[in-house]
Amino acid sequence: MNRLPRTAIALLAICAAGLSACETETLWIDPPVNYTVDHRTCGDDEAGTVSAETGIYEEQIYNPFSVHKEAPISKGNQGGTWLMPALRTTGIHNPVRLRATITSESGEQIGVAVIASIRLKVSPDEACEIQALPISVQPIAKLNDKQMEVWLKKLYGTKVTLRIDVESKVEGGGKATGEVEVTLVKG
């Protein structure tokens, strides 16, 4: 009976030594990308409609803030407090510049994001969109963690104005603004 466990231990040791001698190679392959849509007008109709609409994706379904009036604030995995709205545009050429602001009812600017250049994704309905635009939500004054928690609790349930300005980097490519009043909720 003593032989069986020793044999099993010896086989495991041999297998472990053999596996440590194996090399693993990781091969990264980028999927093919079609850059021919970069400067086309997204969702352009015959009327030449230029628009920007803000909303949120939930369960892979887009809900415009004009219908769904709540915007969740979430804590980031690596820190920070974020509002992550979606933006859908029509009649604007890719790539674009974005500027997003969140302003409280008292006029305090509690969130700003600026992206100098980004290519919006072309959706199946040919609008251009970004499904989650990260906007840092911060008070003007520097707060410690406990003060930040109190400030956030006061913020939940309040109304703010979310404004996203989008402008094509292509000359004459169009610009628009999506602005909406939303209620902040805990995400």
Foldseek 3Di string as FASTA:
>chain_A
DVVVVVVVVVVVVVVVVVVVPDDDDDDDDDDDDDCPQQFPFFQQDPVLDKEKFKFAADPNDTDTCVGVFEWAWEADPVGFIWTWIKMWIGNFGPWKWKWKWKAFPVGFTFKIDTDGTDGFCQDPSRIGMDNTDTITGHGPDDDDPVVVVVVVVVQAFGKIKMKMKMHHPDVVRDIYMHIDIHGYHHD
